Amino acid sequence: MSLTLFTHAKLLDPAKSDLQDGVAVLVEGGRIREVSPRPIRAARATVVDVGGRTLMPGLIDCHVHVFLPEVNIRALEAMPVTLLTARAAPLMRAMLDRGFTTVRDTGGADWGIREAVERGYLPGPRLFIAGRAIGQTSGHSDPRRRTDLGGGCPTENAMAFTMAIADGVTEVRRAVREQLRQGADHIKIMVSGGVASPYDPLDSLQYSTDEIRAAVEEARAFKRYVSAHAYPAHAIARAVECGVRVIEHGNLIDAPTAKLMAKKEAFLVPTLVAYDAIGRHAAEFGMGPESLEKNTVVLEAGLRSLELAKRAGVRMAFGSDLLGQLQPDQSKEFLLRGEALSPQEIIQSATIVGAELLGRPGELGVIAPGALADLLVVEGNPLKDLGVFQDQGARIPVVMRGGRFHRNRLRAG
């Protein structure tokens, strides 16, 4: 089993407010074997001298879409799944380049693309998948044109492949069970309107309480959980009361709903960079005026939602939710959150909080014995300068995922 020894590192432990100097870390196979403030003896190890740079856990993005390569999702109607897969490959590689060693796909990616990454056929971050995002007719998972009364063939229509429509308790149960059969790590449902879907009002309530509870019941029976796309406070509150574990976005949350989320121990995954990027670039890629108008509403509310959630004690994970051509802005989420949160809080959201959300605390988001060897070497101190994550990973000379180097620009002995 291969051994890699990192020496002379400044260790970033997300739970601590300062870096720890002179740390050595020994990796055996795909996991971390030893972490020590003193030199580690390992005669057969490949030695990487970190040279006083920062060694930290790989980043976790809890809201991505590797199978949505177009800002204008209607373009997916004419895209077969084979082309969809080919277009996902450079998107995933770029995420890994930026230091994201684990991502949670919240609608679209299937077990096949997850297996392709795990088997090494395609470079990319570790994937946790939802399969097809599930919603009601007329809801956020129903992007059909008003003249389209059919569903389309899932293999020849990438839009149909990534989203599912289910109405009524029986259909919702069947749709959830199908995603579980297909290897979903979690279930994604839509409980309010959205930006990218042109016809549903942003503050619309989607799915009845019985339908939401049915989804939660089926997921729990399979030892999985439900996450919900939701913007307005009343949609968030209803979902959380029904047992939804994770709220995606949550821009229009209010103080009482934030307190409810904290009480129910629900996670929030804000995605501020999505609305920032849409506002700057989406029109040129074909997003319609209805969506752009809704985007303005959620963009203006974004920072306030972080402040309310922080005040209530809601656990917030890092998310980006960027579509297609906007995905290079992924790391800008660090800077946007910096207007409301401290660097340490933001780094925690992209490491230990993300790991808790994924149900993998102690394995992901930390540098500790037994953890998966997802490691970054960073030029500079992220606790003082979140800019180190910008420029597509230019200041991240080493990216290791599962004990294997994706990038190593430092000399190894």
Foldseek 3Di string as FASTA:
>chain_A
DAKAKEWQAFEDFLVDLGTRTTKMWMDDFFFTADIDSDDDDDPRHWYFYLPHFYKFFFWEAEEEALQFQALQSQVLQQAFVVVSLVSSQVLFLLCLLLRHQEYEYQWQDFVVSQVCCVVPVGPGHRYQYQFAEEFAVQAQLHQDDPVDPDQHDVRRRSSSRTHYHADDQVRLLVVLVVSVVRPHQAHEYEQAHALSRQGGDRGDGTDDLSNLLSNQVNQVVSVHAYEYEHAAQVSLQSNVVSPHQEYEANLRHDQVSLLSCVVSQHEYEHAQQQLVLCQVPVVVSPRDPSSVVVSVVSNVSRLVRVQSNVVNVHHYAYHHHHGNPSSLCRLCSLVVNVVRDALSSHLCNGAQSSCVVSVRHPATRGRRRPHGPFMWGFGDDSNVPSCRSHDSNPRTQWTDHSNHTPHHPTDID
